[in-house]
Amino acid sequence: MPLTVLATNDCENGPCPTFHKAPGGVVVQAYRTSDPEHIPPGMPNHEGVLFIPDADWDCLILNLITKMITGMPR
């Protein structure tokens, strides 16, 4: 399945929080967490939660807005 990077925080230490466009949707790459503070109450067992720290989120959103303005892949 081909993935296209929509937004990334361009961190220097390897794989980083990233939004990927996949056929039919978006894939979020982030930090896996089991921290109870990050898990919504009543979340079904077949769903998961990925954690994106505030600084990474800010970078991703800025990158995503820039790509939306300049033409994001569909």
N, C-alpha and C. Protein backbone atom coordinates (compact mmCIF):
# COMPACT_ATOMS: atom_id res chain seq x y z
N MET A 1 0.86 -1.17 0.00
CA MET A 1 0.00 0.00 0.00
C MET A 1 0.90 1.23 0.00
N PRO A 2 0.77 2.10 -1.00
CA PRO A 2 1.59 3.32 -1.02
C PRO A 2 1.09 4.35 0.00
N LEU A 3 2.04 4.93 0.71
CA LEU A 3 1.71 6.00 1.66
C LEU A 3 2.42 7.27 1.21
N THR A 4 1.73 8.40 1.31
CA THR A 4 2.30 9.70 0.99
C THR A 4 2.34 10.52 2.26
N VAL A 5 3.49 11.11 2.58
CA VAL A 5 3.61 11.93 3.78
C VAL A 5 2.81 13.22 3.57
N LEU A 6 1.86 13.46 4.49
CA LEU A 6 1.09 14.70 4.47
C LEU A 6 1.77 15.76 5.34
N ALA A 7 2.25 15.33 6.50
CA ALA A 7 2.90 16.25 7.44
C ALA A 7 3.79 15.45 8.37
N THR A 8 4.95 16.01 8.69
CA THR A 8 5.87 15.40 9.64
C THR A 8 6.54 16.51 10.42
N ASN A 9 7.07 16.19 11.60
CA ASN A 9 7.71 17.24 12.39
C ASN A 9 9.20 17.35 12.08
N ASP A 10 9.69 16.57 11.12
CA ASP A 10 11.08 16.65 10.66
C ASP A 10 12.09 16.47 11.79
N CYS A 11 11.78 15.62 12.76
CA CYS A 11 12.72 15.39 13.86
C CYS A 11 13.97 14.69 13.33
N GLU A 12 15.05 14.76 14.08
CA GLU A 12 16.34 14.26 13.63
C GLU A 12 16.70 12.87 14.16
N ASN A 13 15.87 12.30 15.04
CA ASN A 13 16.26 11.05 15.69
C ASN A 13 15.49 9.84 15.19
N GLY A 14 15.22 9.78 13.88
CA GLY A 14 14.58 8.59 13.34
C GLY A 14 13.11 8.80 13.04
N PRO A 15 12.34 7.72 12.96
CA PRO A 15 10.91 7.85 12.67
C PRO A 15 10.23 8.81 13.64
N CYS A 16 9.40 9.66 13.10
CA CYS A 16 8.81 10.75 13.88
C CYS A 16 7.30 10.77 13.70
N PRO A 17 6.57 11.46 14.58
CA PRO A 17 5.14 11.61 14.36
C PRO A 17 4.88 12.15 12.95
N THR A 18 4.00 11.47 12.24
CA THR A 18 3.75 11.81 10.84
C THR A 18 2.30 11.48 10.48
N PHE A 19 1.70 12.30 9.62
CA PHE A 19 0.42 11.98 9.00
C PHE A 19 0.75 11.45 7.61
N HIS A 20 0.21 10.26 7.28
CA HIS A 20 0.40 9.66 5.96
C HIS A 20 -0.95 9.58 5.27
N LYS A 21 -1.00 9.85 3.96
CA LYS A 21 -2.20 9.62 3.17
C LYS A 21 -2.10 8.22 2.60
N ALA A 22 -3.14 7.44 2.84
CA ALA A 22 -3.24 6.08 2.31
C ALA A 22 -4.48 6.03 1.43
N PRO A 23 -4.57 5.04 0.56
CA PRO A 23 -5.79 4.91 -0.23
C PRO A 23 -7.02 4.85 0.69
N GLY A 24 -7.90 5.80 0.55
CA GLY A 24 -9.13 5.82 1.33
C GLY A 24 -9.04 6.44 2.71
N GLY A 25 -7.91 7.01 3.10
CA GLY A 25 -7.85 7.60 4.44
C GLY A 25 -6.48 8.13 4.81
N VAL A 26 -6.30 8.38 6.10
CA VAL A 26 -5.06 8.92 6.65
C VAL A 26 -4.56 7.98 7.74
N VAL A 27 -3.25 7.73 7.75
CA VAL A 27 -2.60 6.92 8.78
C VAL A 27 -1.79 7.85 9.66
N VAL A 28 -1.92 7.71 10.97
CA VAL A 28 -1.16 8.52 11.91
C VAL A 28 -0.04 7.67 12.51
N GLN A 29 1.19 8.13 12.34
CA GLN A 29 2.35 7.49 12.96
C GLN A 29 2.71 8.33 14.17
N ALA A 30 2.75 7.72 15.34
CA ALA A 30 3.02 8.47 16.57
C ALA A 30 3.59 7.52 17.61
N TYR A 31 3.69 7.97 18.83
CA TYR A 31 4.25 7.17 19.91
C TYR A 31 3.16 6.29 20.51
N ARG A 32 3.37 4.98 20.51
CA ARG A 32 2.42 4.04 21.10
C ARG A 32 2.36 4.32 22.60
N THR A 33 1.15 4.29 23.15
CA THR A 33 1.00 4.56 24.57
C THR A 33 -0.03 3.63 25.19
N SER A 34 0.21 3.31 26.43
CA SER A 34 -0.79 2.59 27.24
C SER A 34 -1.06 3.39 28.51
N ASP A 35 -0.57 4.62 28.53
CA ASP A 35 -0.77 5.51 29.68
C ASP A 35 -2.26 5.79 29.84
N PRO A 36 -2.84 5.48 31.00
CA PRO A 36 -4.28 5.70 31.21
C PRO A 36 -4.72 7.14 30.97
N GLU A 37 -3.81 8.09 31.14
CA GLU A 37 -4.17 9.50 30.89
C GLU A 37 -4.39 9.77 29.40
N HIS A 38 -3.92 8.89 28.52
CA HIS A 38 -4.04 9.09 27.08
C HIS A 38 -5.14 8.25 26.45
N ILE A 39 -5.81 7.41 27.23
CA ILE A 39 -6.81 6.49 26.68
C ILE A 39 -8.22 7.00 27.02
N PRO A 40 -9.02 7.28 25.99
CA PRO A 40 -10.38 7.75 26.23
C PRO A 40 -11.21 6.69 26.97
N PRO A 41 -12.05 7.11 27.90
CA PRO A 41 -12.90 6.15 28.60
C PRO A 41 -13.83 5.42 27.62
N GLY A 42 -13.98 4.14 27.83
CA GLY A 42 -14.90 3.35 27.01
C GLY A 42 -14.40 3.02 25.62
N MET A 43 -13.11 3.22 25.36
CA MET A 43 -12.58 2.93 24.04
C MET A 43 -12.64 1.42 23.78
N PRO A 44 -13.15 1.00 22.61
CA PRO A 44 -13.24 -0.42 22.30
C PRO A 44 -11.86 -1.07 22.23
N ASN A 45 -11.81 -2.36 22.55
CA ASN A 45 -10.55 -3.10 22.55
C ASN A 45 -9.91 -3.20 21.17
N HIS A 46 -10.69 -3.09 20.10
CA HIS A 46 -10.13 -3.23 18.75
C HIS A 46 -9.57 -1.90 18.22
N GLU A 47 -9.60 -0.84 19.04
CA GLU A 47 -9.04 0.44 18.65
C GLU A 47 -7.78 0.72 19.46
N GLY A 48 -6.92 1.61 18.95
CA GLY A 48 -5.68 1.93 19.64
C GLY A 48 -5.51 3.44 19.77
N VAL A 49 -4.55 3.83 20.56
CA VAL A 49 -4.27 5.23 20.78
C VAL A 49 -2.78 5.48 20.53
N LEU A 50 -2.47 6.52 19.79
CA LEU A 50 -1.10 6.96 19.57
C LEU A 50 -0.96 8.34 20.19
N PHE A 51 0.18 8.61 20.80
CA PHE A 51 0.40 9.86 21.53
C PHE A 51 1.34 10.76 20.72
N ILE A 52 0.93 12.01 20.52
CA ILE A 52 1.75 13.01 19.84
C ILE A 52 2.00 14.14 20.83
N PRO A 53 3.24 14.36 21.25
CA PRO A 53 3.55 15.45 22.18
C PRO A 53 3.19 16.82 21.58
N ASP A 54 2.93 17.79 22.44
CA ASP A 54 2.50 19.12 22.01
C ASP A 54 3.43 19.74 20.95
N ALA A 55 4.74 19.69 21.16
CA ALA A 55 5.67 20.31 20.21
C ALA A 55 5.57 19.64 18.83
N ASP A 56 5.43 18.31 18.82
CA ASP A 56 5.28 17.59 17.56
C ASP A 56 3.94 17.93 16.91
N TRP A 57 2.89 18.01 17.70
CA TRP A 57 1.57 18.35 17.18
C TRP A 57 1.59 19.72 16.51
N ASP A 58 2.21 20.70 17.17
CA ASP A 58 2.29 22.05 16.60
C ASP A 58 2.97 22.02 15.23
N CYS A 59 4.06 21.28 15.13
CA CYS A 59 4.81 21.17 13.88
C CYS A 59 3.97 20.46 12.81
N LEU A 60 3.30 19.38 13.18
CA LEU A 60 2.47 18.65 12.24
C LEU A 60 1.33 19.52 11.70
N ILE A 61 0.68 20.25 12.58
CA ILE A 61 -0.45 21.08 12.15
C ILE A 61 0.03 22.18 11.21
N LEU A 62 1.13 22.84 11.55
CA LEU A 62 1.68 23.88 10.68
C LEU A 62 2.03 23.30 9.31
N ASN A 63 2.68 22.12 9.31
CA ASN A 63 3.04 21.46 8.07
C ASN A 63 1.79 21.09 7.27
N LEU A 64 0.78 20.58 7.95
CA LEU A 64 -0.46 20.17 7.28
C LEU A 64 -1.17 21.37 6.67
N ILE A 65 -1.28 22.47 7.39
CA ILE A 65 -1.93 23.67 6.87
C ILE A 65 -1.18 24.18 5.64
N THR A 66 0.14 24.18 5.71
CA THR A 66 0.95 24.61 4.56
C THR A 66 0.65 23.75 3.34
N LYS A 67 0.59 22.42 3.54
CA LYS A 67 0.31 21.53 2.41
C LYS A 67 -1.12 21.70 1.90
N MET A 68 -2.06 21.99 2.78
CA MET A 68 -3.44 22.21 2.35
C MET A 68 -3.53 23.45 1.47
N ILE A 69 -2.77 24.48 1.82
CA ILE A 69 -2.77 25.72 1.04
C ILE A 69 -2.09 25.51 -0.31
N THR A 70 -1.02 24.72 -0.34
CA THR A 70 -0.26 24.54 -1.58
C THR A 70 -0.71 23.36 -2.42
N GLY A 71 -1.64 22.57 -1.93
CA GLY A 71 -2.17 21.46 -2.71
C GLY A 71 -1.78 20.10 -2.18
N MET A 72 -2.62 19.53 -1.34
CA MET A 72 -2.38 18.24 -0.71
C MET A 72 -2.81 17.11 -1.65
N PRO A 73 -2.08 15.99 -1.66
CA PRO A 73 -2.50 14.87 -2.52
C PRO A 73 -3.85 14.31 -2.06
N ARG A 74 -4.62 13.80 -2.98
CA ARG A 74 -5.92 13.21 -2.66
C ARG A 74 -5.92 11.73 -2.96
